[in-house]
Amino acid sequence: MAATTSEGRYPEAKTVQVEVERPEHGPYGKTETLRFDRDHPEWVHCTNPACNSGKILLRRTVTKAIEGKKAEFSAEVKCNGVEKARAGLGHPCMTRAKITVRATYRT
């Protein structure tokens, strides 16, 4: 995971908190919550064991929240990976995560 410093990327934001609620093992079932403060990753790994190199991208959601000067913003983001298939052709990973961004701004 490549870390992003909120201060450097989003100078207008005083604080940025990112919360990622994702399934623990694959697209369904029990969820886990990851929390990041000032330094947050650009993406988190997909937890689906059948997924090939999938990631849940955070940056677009964080940028949308900050550019809109939102105090709180949530979005559901789909994994960008492909599930392995027996016949050799895969299909898009079904894993999704809820991303919540909370921010305060400089005046």
C-alpha atoms as a PDB file:
ATOM      1  CA  MET A   1       0.000   0.000   0.000  1.00  0.00           C
ATOM      2  CA  ALA A   2       1.380   3.346  -1.004  1.00  0.00           C
ATOM      3  CA  ALA A   3       0.842   5.896   1.751  1.00  0.00           C
ATOM      4  CA  THR A   4      -0.565   9.318   1.039  1.00  0.00           C
ATOM      5  CA  THR A   5      -0.004  12.179   3.447  1.00  0.00           C
ATOM      6  CA  SER A   6      -3.214  14.169   3.635  1.00  0.00           C
ATOM      7  CA  GLU A   7      -1.311  17.340   4.416  1.00  0.00           C
ATOM      8  CA  GLY A   8       0.731  17.176   1.216  1.00  0.00           C
ATOM      9  CA  ARG A   9      -2.001  16.045  -1.158  1.00  0.00           C
ATOM     10  CA  TYR A  10      -4.887  18.021   0.380  1.00  0.00           C
ATOM     11  CA  PRO A  11      -3.464  21.252   1.840  1.00  0.00           C
ATOM     12  CA  GLU A  12      -6.957  22.733   2.306  1.00  0.00           C
ATOM     13  CA  ALA A  13      -7.861  19.947   4.752  1.00  0.00           C
ATOM     14  CA  LYS A  14      -6.953  20.351   8.401  1.00  0.00           C
ATOM     15  CA  THR A  15      -7.727  16.714   9.249  1.00  0.00           C
ATOM     16  CA  VAL A  16      -8.675  13.717   7.128  1.00  0.00           C
ATOM     17  CA  GLN A  17      -9.872  10.370   8.462  1.00  0.00           C
ATOM     18  CA  VAL A  18     -10.581   7.446   6.151  1.00  0.00           C
ATOM     19  CA  GLU A  19     -12.570   4.396   7.219  1.00  0.00           C
ATOM     20  CA  VAL A  20     -12.821   1.288   5.024  1.00  0.00           C
ATOM     21  CA  GLU A  21     -15.444  -1.346   5.804  1.00  0.00           C
ATOM     22  CA  ARG A  22     -14.722  -4.458   3.742  1.00  0.00           C
ATOM     23  CA  PRO A  23     -15.496  -8.192   3.908  1.00  0.00           C
ATOM     24  CA  GLU A  24     -12.906 -10.205   5.842  1.00  0.00           C
ATOM     25  CA  HIS A  25     -12.688 -13.061   3.307  1.00  0.00           C
ATOM     26  CA  GLY A  26     -14.226 -12.471  -0.091  1.00  0.00           C
ATOM     27  CA  PRO A  27     -17.247 -10.595  -1.354  1.00  0.00           C
ATOM     28  CA  TYR A  28     -19.713 -11.700   1.350  1.00  0.00           C
ATOM     29  CA  GLY A  29     -19.905 -12.333   5.063  1.00  0.00           C
ATOM     30  CA  LYS A  30     -18.465 -10.752   8.170  1.00  0.00           C
ATOM     31  CA  THR A  31     -16.822  -7.358   7.709  1.00  0.00           C
ATOM     32  CA  GLU A  32     -13.757  -5.679   9.156  1.00  0.00           C
ATOM     33  CA  THR A  33     -13.115  -1.960   9.494  1.00  0.00           C
ATOM     34  CA  LEU A  34      -9.779  -0.305   8.742  1.00  0.00           C
ATOM     35  CA  ARG A  35      -9.174   3.232  10.033  1.00  0.00           C
ATOM     36  CA  PHE A  36      -6.556   5.694   8.863  1.00  0.00           C
ATOM     37  CA  ASP A  37      -5.783   9.198  10.039  1.00  0.00           C
ATOM     38  CA  ARG A  38      -3.318  11.670   8.566  1.00  0.00           C
ATOM     39  CA  ASP A  39      -1.497   9.098   6.427  1.00  0.00           C
ATOM     40  CA  HIS A  40      -3.795   6.808   4.491  1.00  0.00           C
ATOM     41  CA  PRO A  41      -3.038   4.369   1.693  1.00  0.00           C
ATOM     42  CA  GLU A  42      -3.969   4.993  -1.933  1.00  0.00           C
ATOM     43  CA  TRP A  43      -5.607   1.539  -1.901  1.00  0.00           C
ATOM     44  CA  VAL A  44      -6.186  -1.560   0.236  1.00  0.00           C
ATOM     45  CA  HIS A  45      -5.934  -5.194  -0.855  1.00  0.00           C
ATOM     46  CA  CYS A  46      -9.018  -7.126  -1.862  1.00  0.00           C
ATOM     47  CA  THR A  47      -9.781  -9.879   0.662  1.00  0.00           C
ATOM     48  CA  ASN A  48     -11.340 -12.272  -1.855  1.00  0.00           C
ATOM     49  CA  PRO A  49      -9.044 -15.332  -2.101  1.00  0.00           C
ATOM     50  CA  ALA A  50     -10.302 -15.974  -5.664  1.00  0.00           C
ATOM     51  CA  CYS A  51      -9.386 -12.441  -6.782  1.00  0.00           C
ATOM     52  CA  ASN A  52      -6.290 -11.906  -8.886  1.00  0.00           C
ATOM     53  CA  SER A  53      -4.327  -8.763  -7.887  1.00  0.00           C
ATOM     54  CA  GLY A  54      -7.425  -6.829  -6.862  1.00  0.00           C
ATOM     55  CA  LYS A  55      -7.358  -3.554  -4.989  1.00  0.00           C
ATOM     56  CA  ILE A  56      -9.965  -1.261  -3.475  1.00  0.00           C
ATOM     57  CA  LEU A  57      -8.918   2.219  -4.575  1.00  0.00           C
ATOM     58  CA  LEU A  58      -9.397   4.945  -1.957  1.00  0.00           C
ATOM     59  CA  ARG A  59      -7.868   8.003  -3.570  1.00  0.00           C
ATOM     60  CA  ARG A  60     -10.762   8.933  -5.888  1.00  0.00           C
ATOM     61  CA  THR A  61     -13.265   8.856  -3.003  1.00  0.00           C
ATOM     62  CA  VAL A  62     -11.017  10.900  -0.707  1.00  0.00           C
ATOM     63  CA  THR A  63     -10.343  13.455  -3.455  1.00  0.00           C
ATOM     64  CA  LYS A  64     -14.067  13.781  -4.236  1.00  0.00           C
ATOM     65  CA  ALA A  65     -14.838  14.412  -0.555  1.00  0.00           C
ATOM     66  CA  ILE A  66     -12.084  17.014  -0.135  1.00  0.00           C
ATOM     67  CA  GLU A  67     -12.791  18.830  -3.407  1.00  0.00           C
ATOM     68  CA  GLY A  68     -16.468  19.048  -2.387  1.00  0.00           C
ATOM     69  CA  LYS A  69     -15.447  20.317   1.086  1.00  0.00           C
ATOM     70  CA  LYS A  70     -17.573  17.583   2.664  1.00  0.00           C
ATOM     71  CA  ALA A  71     -17.388  17.091   6.425  1.00  0.00           C
ATOM     72  CA  GLU A  72     -18.433  13.464   5.867  1.00  0.00           C
ATOM     73  CA  PHE A  73     -18.699  11.541   2.612  1.00  0.00           C
ATOM     74  CA  SER A  74     -19.331   7.841   1.931  1.00  0.00           C
ATOM     75  CA  ALA A  75     -19.156   5.752  -1.217  1.00  0.00           C
ATOM     76  CA  GLU A  76     -19.208   2.083  -2.128  1.00  0.00           C
ATOM     77  CA  VAL A  77     -16.163   1.093  -4.164  1.00  0.00           C
ATOM     78  CA  LYS A  78     -15.792  -2.103  -6.178  1.00  0.00           C
ATOM     79  CA  CYS A  79     -12.582  -4.116  -6.346  1.00  0.00           C
ATOM     80  CA  ASN A  80     -10.700  -3.652  -9.625  1.00  0.00           C
ATOM     81  CA  GLY A  81      -9.536  -7.289  -9.782  1.00  0.00           C
ATOM     82  CA  VAL A  82     -10.635 -10.378 -11.686  1.00  0.00           C
ATOM     83  CA  GLU A  83     -11.682 -13.661 -10.083  1.00  0.00           C
ATOM     84  CA  LYS A  84      -9.841 -16.739 -11.310  1.00  0.00           C
ATOM     85  CA  ALA A  85     -11.977 -19.190 -13.268  1.00  0.00           C
ATOM     86  CA  ARG A  86     -11.466 -22.861 -14.102  1.00  0.00           C
ATOM     87  CA  ALA A  87     -11.926 -22.336 -17.843  1.00  0.00           C
ATOM     88  CA  GLY A  88      -9.163 -19.740 -17.900  1.00  0.00           C
ATOM     89  CA  LEU A  89     -11.429 -16.730 -18.359  1.00  0.00           C
ATOM     90  CA  GLY A  90     -12.113 -14.712 -15.264  1.00  0.00           C
ATOM     91  CA  HIS A  91     -14.904 -12.354 -14.362  1.00  0.00           C
ATOM     92  CA  PRO A  92     -14.850  -9.106 -12.372  1.00  0.00           C
ATOM     93  CA  CYS A  93     -14.403  -9.512  -8.639  1.00  0.00           C
ATOM     94  CA  MET A  94     -17.638  -8.910  -6.729  1.00  0.00           C
ATOM     95  CA  THR A  95     -15.974  -7.581  -3.568  1.00  0.00           C
ATOM     96  CA  ARG A  96     -17.027  -4.083  -2.528  1.00  0.00           C
ATOM     97  CA  ALA A  97     -16.044  -1.825   0.348  1.00  0.00           C
ATOM     98  CA  LYS A  98     -17.741   1.142   1.969  1.00  0.00           C
ATOM     99  CA  ILE A  99     -15.350   4.072   2.239  1.00  0.00           C
ATOM    100  CA  THR A 100     -16.170   6.907   4.626  1.00  0.00           C
ATOM    101  CA  VAL A 101     -14.134  10.113   4.664  1.00  0.00           C
ATOM    102  CA  ARG A 102     -14.385  12.619   7.521  1.00  0.00           C
ATOM    103  CA  ALA A 103     -12.578  15.929   7.168  1.00  0.00           C
ATOM    104  CA  THR A 104     -12.192  19.350   8.712  1.00  0.00           C
ATOM    105  CA  TYR A 105     -10.911  22.296   6.729  1.00  0.00           C
ATOM    106  CA  ARG A 106      -8.609  25.252   7.245  1.00  0.00           C
ATOM    107  CA  THR A 107     -10.312  28.626   7.351  1.00  0.00           C
END
